[in-house]
Protein backbone atom coordinates (compact mmCIF):
# COMPACT_ATOMS: atom_id res chain seq x y z
CA UNK A 1 -8.59 20.36 29.07
CA UNK A 2 -6.02 18.38 27.03
CA UNK A 3 -6.50 17.75 23.33
CA UNK A 4 -8.41 14.53 22.57
CA UNK A 5 -6.92 12.14 20.01
CA UNK A 6 -8.17 8.72 18.98
CA UNK A 7 -5.59 6.16 17.88
CA UNK A 8 -6.42 3.48 15.35
CA UNK A 9 -5.00 0.50 17.23
CA UNK A 10 -4.34 -2.48 14.97
CA UNK A 11 -2.75 -4.82 17.47
CA UNK A 12 0.71 -4.23 16.00
CA UNK A 13 3.75 -2.57 17.53
CA UNK A 14 3.62 0.63 15.45
CA UNK A 15 0.13 1.75 16.47
CA UNK A 16 0.82 0.59 20.03
CA UNK A 17 3.80 2.94 20.30
CA UNK A 18 1.81 5.73 18.62
CA UNK A 19 -0.70 5.45 21.48
CA UNK A 20 2.11 5.22 24.05
CA UNK A 21 3.83 8.41 22.81
CA UNK A 22 0.63 10.46 22.73
CA UNK A 23 -0.31 9.24 26.20
CA UNK A 24 3.13 10.18 27.56
CA UNK A 25 2.78 13.67 26.05
CA UNK A 26 -0.37 14.26 28.05
CA UNK A 27 -3.01 14.02 25.33
CA UNK A 28 -6.47 12.69 26.15
CA UNK A 29 -6.04 9.40 24.30
CA UNK A 30 -8.65 6.82 23.38
CA UNK A 31 -8.18 3.89 21.02
CA UNK A 32 -10.32 2.22 18.39
CA UNK A 33 -9.86 -1.26 16.96
CA UNK A 34 -11.29 -1.62 13.47
CA UNK A 35 -12.62 -4.97 12.29
CA UNK A 36 -13.15 -4.78 8.57
CA UNK A 37 -13.09 -8.36 7.36
CA UNK A 38 -15.78 -10.84 8.38
CA UNK A 39 -14.38 -13.94 6.69
CA UNK A 40 -11.87 -14.63 9.46
CA UNK A 41 -10.87 -18.23 8.86
CA UNK A 42 -8.22 -18.51 11.56
CA UNK A 43 -5.21 -18.03 9.31
CA UNK A 44 -2.07 -16.19 10.43
CA UNK A 45 -2.76 -13.23 12.71
CA UNK A 46 -6.55 -13.31 12.89
CA UNK A 47 -8.54 -10.27 13.92
CA UNK A 48 -9.40 -11.95 17.25
CA UNK A 49 -5.69 -12.23 18.09
CA UNK A 50 -5.08 -8.65 16.99
CA UNK A 51 -7.96 -7.39 19.13
CA UNK A 52 -6.61 -9.26 22.15
CA UNK A 53 -3.18 -7.66 21.66
CA UNK A 54 -4.77 -4.21 21.29
CA UNK A 55 -6.78 -4.80 24.46
CA UNK A 56 -3.66 -5.76 26.42
CA UNK A 57 -1.87 -2.63 25.21
CA UNK A 58 -4.75 -0.44 26.38
CA UNK A 59 -4.90 -2.19 29.75
CA UNK A 60 -1.20 -1.56 30.32
CA UNK A 61 -1.46 2.10 29.27
CA UNK A 62 -4.77 2.65 31.05
CA UNK A 63 -6.56 3.74 27.88
CA UNK A 64 -10.13 2.99 26.78
CA UNK A 65 -10.53 0.75 23.72
CA UNK A 66 -13.55 0.90 21.44
CA UNK A 67 -14.31 -1.51 18.62
CA UNK A 68 -15.98 -0.63 15.34
CA UNK A 69 -16.87 -2.70 12.29
CA UNK A 70 -16.39 -1.22 8.83
CA UNK A 71 -16.66 -4.54 6.96
CA UNK A 72 -19.44 -3.32 4.65
CA UNK A 73 -17.49 -0.17 3.76
CA UNK A 74 -14.36 -2.24 3.20
CA UNK A 75 -16.12 -4.68 0.88
CA UNK A 76 -17.88 -1.97 -1.13
CA UNK A 77 -15.07 0.58 -1.34
CA UNK A 78 -11.93 -1.57 -1.34
CA UNK A 79 -12.38 -5.29 -1.87
CA UNK A 80 -14.85 -5.10 -4.76
CA UNK A 81 -12.37 -2.87 -6.60
CA UNK A 82 -9.54 -5.24 -5.67
CA UNK A 83 -11.37 -8.19 -7.28
CA UNK A 84 -12.46 -6.27 -10.38
CA UNK A 85 -8.88 -5.15 -11.04
CA UNK A 86 -7.50 -8.67 -10.73
CA UNK A 87 -10.26 -9.99 -12.96
CA UNK A 88 -9.24 -7.41 -15.57
CA UNK A 89 -5.63 -8.65 -15.43
CA UNK A 90 -4.29 -5.71 -13.45
CA UNK A 91 -2.44 -5.61 -10.12
CA UNK A 92 -4.20 -3.30 -7.65
CA UNK A 93 -2.75 -1.96 -4.42
CA UNK A 94 -5.50 -2.40 -1.80
CA UNK A 95 -3.48 -0.64 0.93
CA UNK A 96 -3.65 2.67 -0.95
CA UNK A 97 -7.43 2.50 -1.33
CA UNK A 98 -7.83 1.12 2.19
CA UNK A 99 -6.09 4.18 3.61
CA UNK A 100 -8.25 6.60 1.63
CA UNK A 101 -11.60 4.91 2.14
CA UNK A 102 -11.33 3.23 5.54
CA UNK A 103 -8.59 4.61 7.80
CA UNK A 104 -8.81 8.24 6.69
CA UNK A 105 -12.49 8.43 5.77
CA UNK A 106 -14.74 5.92 7.57
CA UNK A 107 -12.56 5.88 10.70
CA UNK A 108 -11.88 9.61 10.58
CA UNK A 109 -15.58 10.47 10.17
CA UNK A 110 -16.47 8.11 13.04
CA UNK A 111 -13.81 9.64 15.29
CA UNK A 112 -14.81 13.22 14.54
CA UNK A 113 -18.38 12.41 15.57
CA UNK A 114 -16.97 11.49 18.98
CA UNK A 115 -15.63 15.02 19.34
CA UNK A 116 -11.90 14.40 18.86
CA UNK A 117 -9.54 16.92 17.34
CA UNK A 118 -7.43 14.37 15.45
CA UNK A 119 -6.87 10.72 14.72
CA UNK A 120 -3.50 8.99 14.96
CA UNK A 121 -2.12 5.90 13.25
CA UNK A 122 1.15 3.99 13.30
CA UNK A 123 2.24 5.04 9.81
CA UNK A 124 5.84 5.95 9.11
CA UNK A 125 5.11 9.34 7.55
CA UNK A 126 4.87 12.98 8.62
CA UNK A 127 2.45 15.88 8.18
CA UNK A 128 3.51 19.51 7.99
CA UNK A 129 1.30 22.58 7.88
CA UNK A 130 2.34 25.31 5.45
CA UNK A 131 0.86 28.63 4.38
CA UNK A 132 -0.89 26.87 1.50
CA UNK A 133 -2.17 23.82 3.37
CA UNK A 134 -0.92 20.51 4.69
CA UNK A 135 1.90 18.47 3.20
CA UNK A 136 2.58 14.77 3.45
CA UNK A 137 6.26 14.04 4.10
CA UNK A 138 8.29 10.87 4.02
CA UNK A 139 8.90 8.96 7.23
CA UNK A 140 12.34 9.45 8.77
CA UNK A 141 13.03 5.71 8.66
CA UNK A 142 13.56 5.27 4.92
CA UNK A 143 13.26 1.50 5.15
CA UNK A 144 9.76 1.84 6.60
CA UNK A 145 8.51 5.06 4.94
CA UNK A 146 4.81 4.58 4.13
CA UNK A 147 4.02 7.83 2.34
CA UNK A 148 3.67 5.71 -0.83
CA UNK A 149 0.47 4.20 0.60
CA UNK A 150 -0.91 7.59 1.67
CA UNK A 151 -0.62 9.56 -1.57
CA UNK A 152 -4.40 9.54 -2.17
CA UNK A 153 -5.08 11.60 0.94
CA UNK A 154 -6.16 15.20 0.59
CA UNK A 155 -5.71 18.25 2.82
CA UNK A 156 -8.78 17.56 4.99
CA UNK A 157 -7.74 14.14 6.35
CA UNK A 158 -4.13 15.29 6.65
CA UNK A 159 -5.21 18.28 8.72
CA UNK A 160 -6.99 15.92 11.13
CA UNK A 161 -4.24 13.28 11.32
CA UNK A 162 -1.01 12.79 13.20
CA UNK A 163 1.69 10.15 12.83
CA UNK A 164 3.49 9.93 16.20
CA UNK A 165 6.21 7.51 15.01
CA UNK A 166 6.93 9.32 11.74
CA UNK A 167 10.26 10.65 12.95
CA UNK A 168 11.38 7.46 14.72
CA UNK A 169 13.38 4.50 13.46
CA UNK A 170 11.67 1.10 13.58
CA UNK A 171 14.33 -0.27 15.90
CA UNK A 172 13.61 2.53 18.36
CA UNK A 173 9.86 1.85 18.13
CA UNK A 174 10.42 -1.73 19.27
CA UNK A 175 12.71 -0.54 22.09
CA UNK A 176 10.03 1.86 23.33
CA UNK A 177 7.41 -0.90 23.25
CA UNK A 178 9.67 -3.28 25.15
CA UNK A 179 10.55 -0.66 27.76
CA UNK A 180 6.84 -0.01 28.35
CA UNK A 181 6.15 -3.75 28.66
CA UNK A 182 3.82 -3.84 25.66
CA UNK A 183 3.00 -7.35 24.35
CA UNK A 184 3.44 -6.18 20.76
CA UNK A 185 7.14 -5.30 21.18
CA UNK A 186 8.39 -8.36 19.31
CA UNK A 187 5.31 -8.98 17.17
CA UNK A 188 6.01 -9.64 13.53
CA UNK A 189 4.99 -6.89 11.10
CA UNK A 190 1.91 -7.63 9.02
CA UNK A 191 2.61 -7.97 5.31
CA UNK A 192 -0.73 -9.30 4.10
CA UNK A 193 -3.66 -7.67 2.34
CA UNK A 194 -4.96 -4.66 4.25
CA UNK A 195 -7.29 -5.92 7.02
CA UNK A 196 -7.51 -9.38 5.44
CA UNK A 197 -4.17 -10.56 6.78
CA UNK A 198 -1.43 -12.88 5.65
CA UNK A 199 -2.46 -15.98 3.78
CA UNK A 200 -1.70 -18.02 0.67
CA UNK A 201 -2.57 -15.37 -1.89
CA UNK A 202 -3.46 -17.64 -4.78
CA UNK A 203 -5.68 -19.89 -2.64
CA UNK A 204 -7.37 -16.81 -1.24
CA UNK A 205 -7.99 -15.33 -4.69
CA UNK A 206 -9.33 -18.66 -5.99
CA UNK A 207 -12.32 -18.28 -3.65
CA UNK A 208 -13.53 -15.32 -5.68
CA UNK A 209 -11.91 -15.76 -9.10
CA UNK A 210 -11.93 -19.37 -10.35
CA UNK A 211 -9.13 -20.80 -12.46
CA UNK A 212 -8.97 -20.04 -16.20
CA UNK A 213 -6.04 -22.11 -17.54
CA UNK A 214 -4.06 -20.92 -20.54
CA UNK A 215 -0.67 -21.00 -22.21
CA UNK A 216 2.60 -19.44 -21.15
CA UNK A 217 4.41 -18.14 -24.23
CA UNK A 218 7.98 -16.86 -24.42
CA UNK A 219 8.77 -13.48 -25.96
CA UNK A 220 10.01 -15.46 -28.99
CA UNK A 221 6.62 -17.14 -29.44
CA UNK A 222 7.41 -20.58 -28.00
CA UNK A 223 4.99 -22.30 -25.63
CA UNK A 224 6.92 -22.97 -22.42
CA UNK A 225 4.18 -23.95 -20.01
CA UNK A 226 0.61 -23.43 -18.83
CA UNK A 227 -0.91 -21.14 -16.22
CA UNK A 228 -4.05 -21.53 -14.04
CA UNK A 229 -5.28 -17.97 -14.58
CA UNK A 230 -3.83 -14.59 -15.56
CA UNK A 231 -5.19 -12.97 -12.39
CA UNK A 232 -2.71 -14.92 -10.28
CA UNK A 233 0.30 -13.17 -11.85
CA UNK A 234 1.79 -9.71 -12.04
CA UNK A 235 4.25 -8.00 -14.36
CA UNK A 236 7.82 -8.72 -13.26
CA UNK A 237 6.85 -11.84 -11.30
CA UNK A 238 9.54 -14.49 -11.12
CA UNK A 239 8.41 -17.08 -8.60
CA UNK A 240 5.55 -19.50 -9.12
CA UNK A 241 5.64 -19.64 -12.93
CA UNK A 242 6.17 -23.41 -12.94
CA UNK A 243 8.48 -23.34 -15.96
CA UNK A 244 10.90 -26.21 -15.47
CA UNK A 245 14.14 -27.11 -17.21
CA UNK A 246 14.36 -27.73 -20.92
CA UNK A 247 13.17 -24.33 -22.02
CA UNK A 248 15.21 -21.29 -22.90
CA UNK A 249 18.79 -20.70 -23.92
CA UNK A 250 20.24 -20.51 -20.41
CA UNK A 251 19.51 -21.27 -16.79
CA UNK A 252 18.34 -17.69 -16.20
CA UNK A 253 14.96 -17.30 -14.46
CA UNK A 254 11.77 -16.43 -16.31
CA UNK A 255 9.77 -13.25 -15.68
CA UNK A 256 6.24 -12.16 -16.59
CA UNK A 257 6.25 -9.33 -19.15
CA UNK A 258 2.64 -9.23 -20.38
CA UNK A 259 -0.84 -10.61 -19.85
CA UNK A 260 -2.75 -10.92 -23.13
CA UNK A 261 -6.29 -11.00 -21.80
CA UNK A 262 -8.28 -11.68 -24.98
CA UNK A 263 -6.15 -14.76 -25.73
CA UNK A 264 -5.58 -15.80 -22.10
CA UNK A 265 -1.82 -15.88 -22.67
CA UNK A 266 0.88 -15.20 -20.11
CA UNK A 267 3.93 -13.82 -21.90
CA UNK A 268 7.37 -14.28 -20.33
CA UNK A 269 11.02 -13.54 -21.00
CA UNK A 270 14.24 -14.93 -19.60
CA UNK A 271 16.76 -13.02 -17.46
CA UNK A 272 16.24 -10.04 -15.14
CA UNK A 273 18.16 -7.75 -17.51
CA UNK A 274 15.89 -8.42 -20.46
CA UNK A 275 14.94 -5.08 -22.09
CA UNK A 276 11.24 -6.06 -22.21
CA UNK A 277 11.16 -5.79 -18.42
CA UNK A 278 12.21 -2.13 -18.40
CA UNK A 279 10.64 1.12 -19.53
CA UNK A 280 11.60 4.80 -19.52
CA UNK A 281 8.03 6.02 -20.00
CA UNK A 282 4.81 5.13 -18.22
CA UNK A 283 1.28 6.49 -18.30
CA UNK A 284 -0.64 7.27 -15.13
CA UNK A 285 -4.41 7.74 -14.74
CA UNK A 286 -6.73 8.67 -11.85
CA UNK A 287 -4.30 11.39 -10.82
CA UNK A 288 -4.50 12.78 -7.31
CA UNK A 289 -2.46 15.75 -6.11
CA UNK A 290 -2.41 16.39 -2.36
CA UNK A 291 -2.16 20.16 -2.86
CA UNK A 292 -4.89 20.09 -5.50
CA UNK A 293 -2.47 21.24 -8.19
CA UNK A 294 -0.31 19.25 -10.61
CA UNK A 295 3.45 19.83 -10.38
CA UNK A 296 5.29 21.92 -12.98
CA UNK A 297 6.13 19.72 -15.96
CA UNK A 298 9.57 21.33 -16.16
CA UNK A 299 10.43 20.43 -12.58
CA UNK A 300 12.72 17.50 -11.82
CA UNK A 301 10.83 15.11 -9.56
CA UNK A 302 11.27 11.61 -8.19
CA UNK A 303 8.88 8.69 -8.31
CA UNK A 304 8.30 5.20 -6.97
CA UNK A 305 6.34 2.58 -8.91
CA UNK A 306 6.31 0.19 -5.95
CA UNK A 307 6.76 0.32 -2.20
CA UNK A 308 10.37 0.45 -0.94
CA UNK A 309 11.73 1.08 -4.41
CA UNK A 310 14.48 3.68 -4.54
CA UNK A 311 13.37 7.06 -5.86
CA UNK A 312 13.80 7.40 -9.63
CA UNK A 313 14.26 10.88 -11.10
CA UNK A 314 11.64 11.85 -13.62
CA UNK A 315 9.55 14.58 -15.20
CA UNK A 316 5.80 14.61 -15.69
CA UNK A 317 3.80 15.78 -18.69
CA UNK A 318 0.06 16.11 -18.04
CA UNK A 319 -2.23 14.81 -20.78
CA UNK A 320 -5.38 16.14 -19.11
CA UNK A 321 -6.67 16.61 -15.56
CA UNK A 322 -6.90 12.86 -15.07
CA UNK A 323 -3.80 11.43 -16.76
CA UNK A 324 -0.15 12.13 -17.45
CA UNK A 325 2.95 10.65 -19.03
CA UNK A 326 5.98 10.21 -16.78
CA UNK A 327 9.47 10.21 -18.26
CA UNK A 328 12.21 8.54 -16.21
CA UNK A 329 15.89 9.40 -16.51
CA UNK A 330 16.72 5.71 -16.09
CA UNK A 331 14.58 2.69 -17.02
CA UNK A 332 12.29 1.33 -14.30
CA UNK A 333 11.74 -2.38 -13.74
CA UNK A 334 8.38 -4.04 -14.36
CA UNK A 335 5.83 -1.22 -14.29
CA UNK A 336 2.64 -3.14 -13.51
CA UNK A 337 -0.73 -1.76 -14.67
CA UNK A 338 -3.00 -1.19 -11.66
CA UNK A 339 -0.15 -0.39 -9.28
CA UNK A 340 0.50 3.16 -8.09
CA UNK A 341 3.17 5.56 -9.24
CA UNK A 342 3.83 8.10 -6.47
CA UNK A 343 5.72 11.35 -7.05
CA UNK A 344 7.95 13.32 -4.72
CA UNK A 345 9.65 16.68 -4.55
CA UNK A 346 12.42 15.92 -2.07
CA UNK A 347 10.76 14.95 1.21
CA UNK A 348 7.30 16.01 0.06
CA UNK A 349 4.87 13.45 -1.35
CA UNK A 350 3.01 15.29 -4.12
CA UNK A 351 0.50 12.60 -5.04
CA UNK A 352 0.37 10.16 -7.92
CA UNK A 353 -1.81 7.93 -10.04
CA UNK A 354 -2.50 4.43 -11.33
CA UNK A 355 -0.08 2.89 -13.81
CA UNK A 356 -1.56 2.16 -17.24
CA UNK A 357 -0.08 0.33 -20.23
CA UNK A 358 1.99 2.83 -22.21
CA UNK A 359 1.00 3.26 -25.85
CA UNK A 360 3.41 5.32 -27.97
């Protein structure tokens, strides 16, 4: 009897090819489509369209497709946190929490109850078993590597997961889908909020967090505009500030450098080389190490403070079991509280934590 694997089929090309590759290798493959957002208002790439694409893929491959709804789990474990972080003036990363709580917990638990040996997803990452446990490795396609979003996983979900496209380039994934006649071959990649989809972010957030107008103040103390609410901005943001001509000493763009919550002030500076946008030291909380152990503070590591950022060499100094200070060899741009800092030792993703304001 062949090994049974259930693929989380999203309706996109990556998970479609993950199912295709496993099927071609002779595994007993079934697919599950997860619907985790009930407020489907017909914006770009609705869940109904995604389900239809997933269904067509399964019909072509001759695979069964199940559907499951984790909307309550998503709201309680992911979206409520997402809103509370924005309300507090921070910038959360829902994809990280979505992976831990939905794809590799709710979905994994559901799949294991069906008697499968593993689950599979279309992530660009790799898993390797070692004598001490399972390691999460970067995806071979560096432009698509998604290990950043998976750093909160532990050994148990990694031991029960496989990433069939982890060693394949994105261009090759699309070629494989086209060759197999899959309808997702040319489908645009989703870049929206995990399971919620692509939409006007500010309008979406306004449904849950109403406007709270305030002043925009330059780093020199001059009022240069007004904002509709601090929750609509993030550190390092350039677009959408609404600061017209007549302010500043040059035509250089403005950037967000601070959100002063108690005064409802958005603080900005001018020019992308402004020193207030850069830092050599950040603090991280809510630490999670995939191996269960923190790395040696003397070891040279690399870190990302946002997806697709180039690795930055650093060292880590634990403060306690839950927090650490990270020292970068070169300044990093716009470290945003609430975002994740993810650490690597070469190809291996070690884990990471949540960026906090650094206090010297």
